[in-house]
PDB file of N, CA and C in Angstrom:
ATOM      1  N   MET A   1     114.768 119.068 103.729  1.00  0.00           N
ATOM      2  CA  MET A   1     114.925 119.793 102.856  1.00  0.00           C
ATOM      3  C   MET A   1     116.692 119.392 102.809  1.00  0.00           C
ATOM      4  N   THR A   2     116.594 119.878 101.203  1.00  0.00           N
ATOM      5  CA  THR A   2     117.596 119.772 101.322  1.00  0.00           C
ATOM      6  C   THR A   2     118.849 121.528 101.135  1.00  0.00           C
ATOM      7  N   ARG A   3     120.059 121.109 101.229  1.00  0.00           N
ATOM      8  CA  ARG A   3     120.308 122.623 102.247  1.00  0.00           C
ATOM      9  C   ARG A   3     121.429 122.180 101.722  1.00  0.00           C
ATOM     10  N   GLU A   4     122.090 121.542 100.980  1.00  0.00           N
ATOM     11  CA  GLU A   4     122.993 121.472  99.807  1.00  0.00           C
ATOM     12  C   GLU A   4     122.877 122.540  98.628  1.00  0.00           C
ATOM     13  N   PRO A   5     123.941 123.272  98.410  1.00  0.00           N
ATOM     14  CA  PRO A   5     123.731 125.329  98.342  1.00  0.00           C
ATOM     15  C   PRO A   5     123.492 125.145  96.543  1.00  0.00           C
ATOM     16  N   THR A   6     123.628 125.662  96.376  1.00  0.00           N
ATOM     17  CA  THR A   6     123.362 125.689  94.371  1.00  0.00           C
ATOM     18  C   THR A   6     123.380 127.256  93.923  1.00  0.00           C
ATOM     19  N   GLY A   7     123.813 127.683  92.176  1.00  0.00           N
ATOM     20  CA  GLY A   7     124.012 128.343  91.970  1.00  0.00           C
ATOM     21  C   GLY A   7     124.977 129.423  92.248  1.00  0.00           C
ATOM     22  N   TRP A   8     125.868 129.159  92.899  1.00  0.00           N
ATOM     23  CA  TRP A   8     126.747 129.988  93.655  1.00  0.00           C
ATOM     24  C   TRP A   8     127.495 131.469  92.560  1.00  0.00           C
ATOM     25  N   ARG A   9     127.178 132.304  93.087  1.00  0.00           N
ATOM     26  CA  ARG A   9     128.065 133.722  92.627  1.00  0.00           C
ATOM     27  C   ARG A   9     128.474 134.626  93.134  1.00  0.00           C
ATOM     28  N   LYS A  10     129.408 135.451  92.850  1.00  0.00           N
ATOM     29  CA  LYS A  10     129.877 136.353  93.612  1.00  0.00           C
ATOM     30  C   LYS A  10     130.126 137.679  92.882  1.00  0.00           C
ATOM     31  N   SER A  11     129.469 139.104  93.527  1.00  0.00           N
ATOM     32  CA  SER A  11     128.974 140.307  93.289  1.00  0.00           C
ATOM     33  C   SER A  11     129.764 140.595  91.847  1.00  0.00           C
ATOM     34  N   SER A  12     129.010 140.748  90.921  1.00  0.00           N
ATOM     35  CA  SER A  12     129.751 141.968  89.704  1.00  0.00           C
ATOM     36  C   SER A  12     130.269 143.296  90.322  1.00  0.00           C
ATOM     37  N   ARG A  13     130.350 143.468  91.145  1.00  0.00           N
ATOM     38  CA  ARG A  13     131.542 144.879  91.224  1.00  0.00           C
ATOM     39  C   ARG A  13     132.389 144.049  92.385  1.00  0.00           C
ATOM     40  N   SER A  14     132.963 143.313  92.256  1.00  0.00           N
ATOM     41  CA  SER A  14     133.738 142.557  92.889  1.00  0.00           C
ATOM     42  C   SER A  14     135.444 142.367  91.502  1.00  0.00           C
ATOM     43  N   HIS A  15     134.559 142.371  90.794  1.00  0.00           N
ATOM     44  CA  HIS A  15     135.818 142.407  88.982  1.00  0.00           C
ATOM     45  C   HIS A  15     136.683 141.167  89.557  1.00  0.00           C
ATOM     46  N   GLN A  16     137.875 141.911  89.487  1.00  0.00           N
ATOM     47  CA  GLN A  16     138.862 140.041  89.589  1.00  0.00           C
ATOM     48  C   GLN A  16     139.462 140.572  91.207  1.00  0.00           C
ATOM     49  N   GLN A  17     139.101 141.293  91.709  1.00  0.00           N
ATOM     50  CA  GLN A  17     139.807 140.843  93.413  1.00  0.00           C
ATOM     51  C   GLN A  17     139.018 139.540  94.199  1.00  0.00           C
ATOM     52  N   THR A  18     139.802 139.287  94.879  1.00  0.00           N
ATOM     53  CA  THR A  18     140.307 137.972  95.163  1.00  0.00           C
ATOM     54  C   THR A  18     139.332 138.529  96.878  1.00  0.00           C
ATOM     55  N   ALA A  19     139.416 138.921  97.542  1.00  0.00           N
ATOM     56  CA  ALA A  19     138.014 138.576  99.264  1.00  0.00           C
ATOM     57  C   ALA A  19     137.220 139.004  98.977  1.00  0.00           C
ATOM     58  N   CYS A  20     136.744 138.145  98.219  1.00  0.00           N
ATOM     59  CA  CYS A  20     134.763 138.043  98.220  1.00  0.00           C
ATOM     60  C   CYS A  20     134.892 137.508  98.250  1.00  0.00           C
ATOM     61  N   VAL A  21     133.740 137.375  98.580  1.00  0.00           N
ATOM     62  CA  VAL A  21     132.882 136.297  99.151  1.00  0.00           C
ATOM     63  C   VAL A  21     131.335 135.546  98.007  1.00  0.00           C
ATOM     64  N   GLU A  22     131.445 134.241  98.166  1.00  0.00           N
ATOM     65  CA  GLU A  22     129.982 134.195  97.303  1.00  0.00           C
ATOM     66  C   GLU A  22     128.625 133.213  98.133  1.00  0.00           C
ATOM     67  N   VAL A  23     127.780 134.145  97.002  1.00  0.00           N
ATOM     68  CA  VAL A  23     126.203 132.924  97.583  1.00  0.00           C
ATOM     69  C   VAL A  23     125.652 132.406  96.806  1.00  0.00           C
ATOM     70  N   GLY A  24     125.136 131.268  97.574  1.00  0.00           N
ATOM     71  CA  GLY A  24     124.252 130.093  96.740  1.00  0.00           C
ATOM     72  C   GLY A  24     122.881 130.302  97.110  1.00  0.00           C
ATOM     73  N   ARG A  25     122.092 129.486  96.220  1.00  0.00           N
ATOM     74  CA  ARG A  25     121.202 129.512  97.304  1.00  0.00           C
ATOM     75  C   ARG A  25     120.164 127.619  97.670  1.00  0.00           C
ATOM     76  N   VAL A  26     119.922 128.071  99.188  1.00  0.00           N
ATOM     77  CA  VAL A  26     119.237 127.270  99.424  1.00  0.00           C
ATOM     78  C   VAL A  26     117.742 126.659  99.729  1.00  0.00           C
ATOM     79  N   ASP A  27     117.600 125.670 100.218  1.00  0.00           N
ATOM     80  CA  ASP A  27     115.454 125.352 100.318  1.00  0.00           C
ATOM     81  C   ASP A  27     115.082 127.095 101.186  1.00  0.00           C
ATOM     82  N   ASP A  28     115.331 127.389 101.881  1.00  0.00           N
ATOM     83  CA  ASP A  28     114.742 128.319 102.321  1.00  0.00           C
ATOM     84  C   ASP A  28     115.946 129.565 103.339  1.00  0.00           C
ATOM     85  N   GLY A  29     116.371 130.100 101.844  1.00  0.00           N
ATOM     86  CA  GLY A  29     117.883 131.135 102.162  1.00  0.00           C
ATOM     87  C   GLY A  29     118.841 131.636 101.262  1.00  0.00           C
ATOM     88  N   ALA A  30     119.991 131.389 101.850  1.00  0.00           N
ATOM     89  CA  ALA A  30     121.286 131.862 100.723  1.00  0.00           C
ATOM     90  C   ALA A  30     121.972 131.794 102.080  1.00  0.00           C
ATOM     91  N   ALA A  31     123.331 130.591 100.825  1.00  0.00           N
ATOM     92  CA  ALA A  31     124.668 130.214 101.475  1.00  0.00           C
ATOM     93  C   ALA A  31     125.531 130.957 101.479  1.00  0.00           C
ATOM     94  N   VAL A  32     126.787 131.688 102.254  1.00  0.00           N
ATOM     95  CA  VAL A  32     127.969 131.631 101.644  1.00  0.00           C
ATOM     96  C   VAL A  32     129.111 131.383 101.812  1.00  0.00           C
ATOM     97  N   ARG A  33     130.103 131.549 101.156  1.00  0.00           N
ATOM     98  CA  ARG A  33     131.288 131.029 101.870  1.00  0.00           C
ATOM     99  C   ARG A  33     132.991 132.191 101.189  1.00  0.00           C
ATOM    100  N   ASP A  34     133.737 131.870 101.199  1.00  0.00           N
ATOM    101  CA  ASP A  34     134.706 131.669 100.452  1.00  0.00           C
ATOM    102  C   ASP A  34     135.075 132.216  99.435  1.00  0.00           C
ATOM    103  N   SER A  35     135.279 133.312  98.349  1.00  0.00           N
ATOM    104  CA  SER A  35     135.922 133.097  97.804  1.00  0.00           C
ATOM    105  C   SER A  35     137.010 131.971  96.953  1.00  0.00           C
ATOM    106  N   LYS A  36     137.738 132.905  97.579  1.00  0.00           N
ATOM    107  CA  LYS A  36     139.631 132.436  97.334  1.00  0.00           C
ATOM    108  C   LYS A  36     139.582 130.760  98.130  1.00  0.00           C
ATOM    109  N   ASP A  37     138.670 130.625  98.800  1.00  0.00           N
ATOM    110  CA  ASP A  37     139.044 128.911  99.791  1.00  0.00           C
ATOM    111  C   ASP A  37     137.572 128.738 100.492  1.00  0.00           C
ATOM    112  N   ARG A  38     136.658 127.581  98.789  1.00  0.00           N
ATOM    113  CA  ARG A  38     135.851 127.551  99.117  1.00  0.00           C
ATOM    114  C   ARG A  38     135.388 126.152  99.337  1.00  0.00           C
ATOM    115  N   GLU A  39     137.054 125.180  99.520  1.00  0.00           N
ATOM    116  CA  GLU A  39     136.569 123.810 100.358  1.00  0.00           C
ATOM    117  C   GLU A  39     137.016 123.916 101.749  1.00  0.00           C
ATOM    118  N   ALA A  40     136.806 125.216 102.638  1.00  0.00           N
ATOM    119  CA  ALA A  40     136.858 124.948 103.771  1.00  0.00           C
ATOM    120  C   ALA A  40     134.927 125.276 103.886  1.00  0.00           C
ATOM    121  N   GLY A  41     134.218 125.400 103.203  1.00  0.00           N
ATOM    122  CA  GLY A  41     133.173 125.019 103.486  1.00  0.00           C
ATOM    123  C   GLY A  41     132.293 126.410 103.339  1.00  0.00           C
ATOM    124  N   TYR A  42     130.855 126.516 104.145  1.00  0.00           N
ATOM    125  CA  TYR A  42     129.669 127.362 103.918  1.00  0.00           C
ATOM    126  C   TYR A  42     128.630 128.009 105.304  1.00  0.00           C
ATOM    127  N   PHE A  43     128.294 128.297 105.203  1.00  0.00           N
ATOM    128  CA  PHE A  43     127.375 128.460 105.787  1.00  0.00           C
ATOM    129  C   PHE A  43     126.233 129.270 105.717  1.00  0.00           C
ATOM    130  N   THR A  44     125.312 128.730 106.040  1.00  0.00           N
ATOM    131  CA  THR A  44     123.788 129.037 105.795  1.00  0.00           C
ATOM    132  C   THR A  44     123.413 130.091 106.325  1.00  0.00           C
ATOM    133  N   THR A  45     122.215 130.887 106.092  1.00  0.00           N
ATOM    134  CA  THR A  45     121.057 131.544 106.680  1.00  0.00           C
ATOM    135  C   THR A  45     119.840 131.391 106.330  1.00  0.00           C
ATOM    136  N   THR A  46     118.645 131.407 107.079  1.00  0.00           N
ATOM    137  CA  THR A  46     117.308 131.738 106.128  1.00  0.00           C
ATOM    138  C   THR A  46     117.206 132.504 105.214  1.00  0.00           C
ATOM    139  N   ALA A  47     115.689 132.593 104.899  1.00  0.00           N
ATOM    140  CA  ALA A  47     115.791 133.736 104.076  1.00  0.00           C
ATOM    141  C   ALA A  47     115.103 135.114 104.574  1.00  0.00           C
ATOM    142  N   HIS A  48     115.162 134.738 106.043  1.00  0.00           N
ATOM    143  CA  HIS A  48     114.394 136.413 106.754  1.00  0.00           C
ATOM    144  C   HIS A  48     116.373 136.826 107.526  1.00  0.00           C
ATOM    145  N   GLN A  49     116.956 135.936 107.868  1.00  0.00           N
ATOM    146  CA  GLN A  49     117.558 136.377 107.528  1.00  0.00           C
ATOM    147  C   GLN A  49     118.824 137.444 107.003  1.00  0.00           C
ATOM    148  N   TRP A  50     118.845 136.808 105.806  1.00  0.00           N
ATOM    149  CA  TRP A  50     119.766 137.292 104.198  1.00  0.00           C
ATOM    150  C   TRP A  50     119.173 138.219 104.390  1.00  0.00           C
ATOM    151  N   GLN A  51     117.667 138.498 103.997  1.00  0.00           N
ATOM    152  CA  GLN A  51     117.251 139.848 103.441  1.00  0.00           C
ATOM    153  C   GLN A  51     117.545 140.905 105.055  1.00  0.00           C
ATOM    154  N   LEU A  52     117.694 140.387 105.980  1.00  0.00           N
ATOM    155  CA  LEU A  52     117.672 141.412 106.911  1.00  0.00           C
ATOM    156  C   LEU A  52     119.525 141.967 107.008  1.00  0.00           C
ATOM    157  N   PHE A  53     120.157 141.344 106.370  1.00  0.00           N
ATOM    158  CA  PHE A  53     121.081 141.728 106.101  1.00  0.00           C
ATOM    159  C   PHE A  53     121.346 142.490 104.981  1.00  0.00           C
ATOM    160  N   VAL A  54     120.658 141.893 103.815  1.00  0.00           N
ATOM    161  CA  VAL A  54     121.142 142.689 102.480  1.00  0.00           C
ATOM    162  C   VAL A  54     120.806 144.078 102.461  1.00  0.00           C
ATOM    163  N   SER A  55     119.236 144.470 103.587  1.00  0.00           N
ATOM    164  CA  SER A  55     118.825 145.178 103.779  1.00  0.00           C
ATOM    165  C   SER A  55     119.899 146.577 104.650  1.00  0.00           C
ATOM    166  N   ALA A  56     120.680 145.318 105.152  1.00  0.00           N
ATOM    167  CA  ALA A  56     121.235 146.559 106.410  1.00  0.00           C
ATOM    168  C   ALA A  56     122.616 147.438 105.409  1.00  0.00           C
ATOM    169  N   VAL A  57     123.079 146.100 104.700  1.00  0.00           N
ATOM    170  CA  VAL A  57     124.030 146.364 103.552  1.00  0.00           C
ATOM    171  C   VAL A  57     124.035 147.861 102.820  1.00  0.00           C
ATOM    172  N   LYS A  58     122.137 147.210 102.309  1.00  0.00           N
ATOM    173  CA  LYS A  58     121.802 149.007 101.002  1.00  0.00           C
ATOM    174  C   LYS A  58     121.925 149.535 102.198  1.00  0.00           C
ATOM    175  N   ALA A  59     121.416 150.125 103.832  1.00  0.00           N
ATOM    176  CA  ALA A  59     120.999 150.976 104.456  1.00  0.00           C
ATOM    177  C   ALA A  59     123.167 151.529 105.149  1.00  0.00           C
ATOM    178  N   GLY A  60     124.365 151.322 104.055  1.00  0.00           N
ATOM    179  CA  GLY A  60     125.294 151.487 105.047  1.00  0.00           C
ATOM    180  C   GLY A  60     125.592 151.240 105.972  1.00  0.00           C
ATOM    181  N   ARG A  61     124.780 150.544 107.543  1.00  0.00           N
ATOM    182  CA  ARG A  61     125.448 150.170 108.174  1.00  0.00           C
ATOM    183  C   ARG A  61     126.444 149.359 108.692  1.00  0.00           C
ATOM    184  N   PHE A  62     126.643 148.810 107.724  1.00  0.00           N
ATOM    185  CA  PHE A  62     128.353 148.434 107.715  1.00  0.00           C
ATOM    186  C   PHE A  62     129.202 149.854 107.692  1.00  0.00           C
ATOM    187  N   ASP A  63     129.660 150.333 107.247  1.00  0.00           N
ATOM    188  CA  ASP A  63     130.565 151.029 106.291  1.00  0.00           C
ATOM    189  C   ASP A  63     131.377 151.848 107.156  1.00  0.00           C
ATOM    190  N   GLY A  64     132.867 151.911 106.996  1.00  0.00           N
ATOM    191  CA  GLY A  64     133.354 152.746 108.249  1.00  0.00           C
ATOM    192  C   GLY A  64     133.472 153.927 107.801  1.00  0.00           C
TER     193      GLY A  64
END
């Protein structure tokens, strides 16, 4: 299984902000990294974990 992320992208809603994350694809999920410090590395999640996270964000579970 290849775990090297591809297709990194930043949210179109982030515009020119510097405090953003980028998401890339891996074989069975997603990779996430800091857009202003790409050399610091990234972490990966399974497709199921990523789906749960995105659903929680859309439901407002992290709104302050």
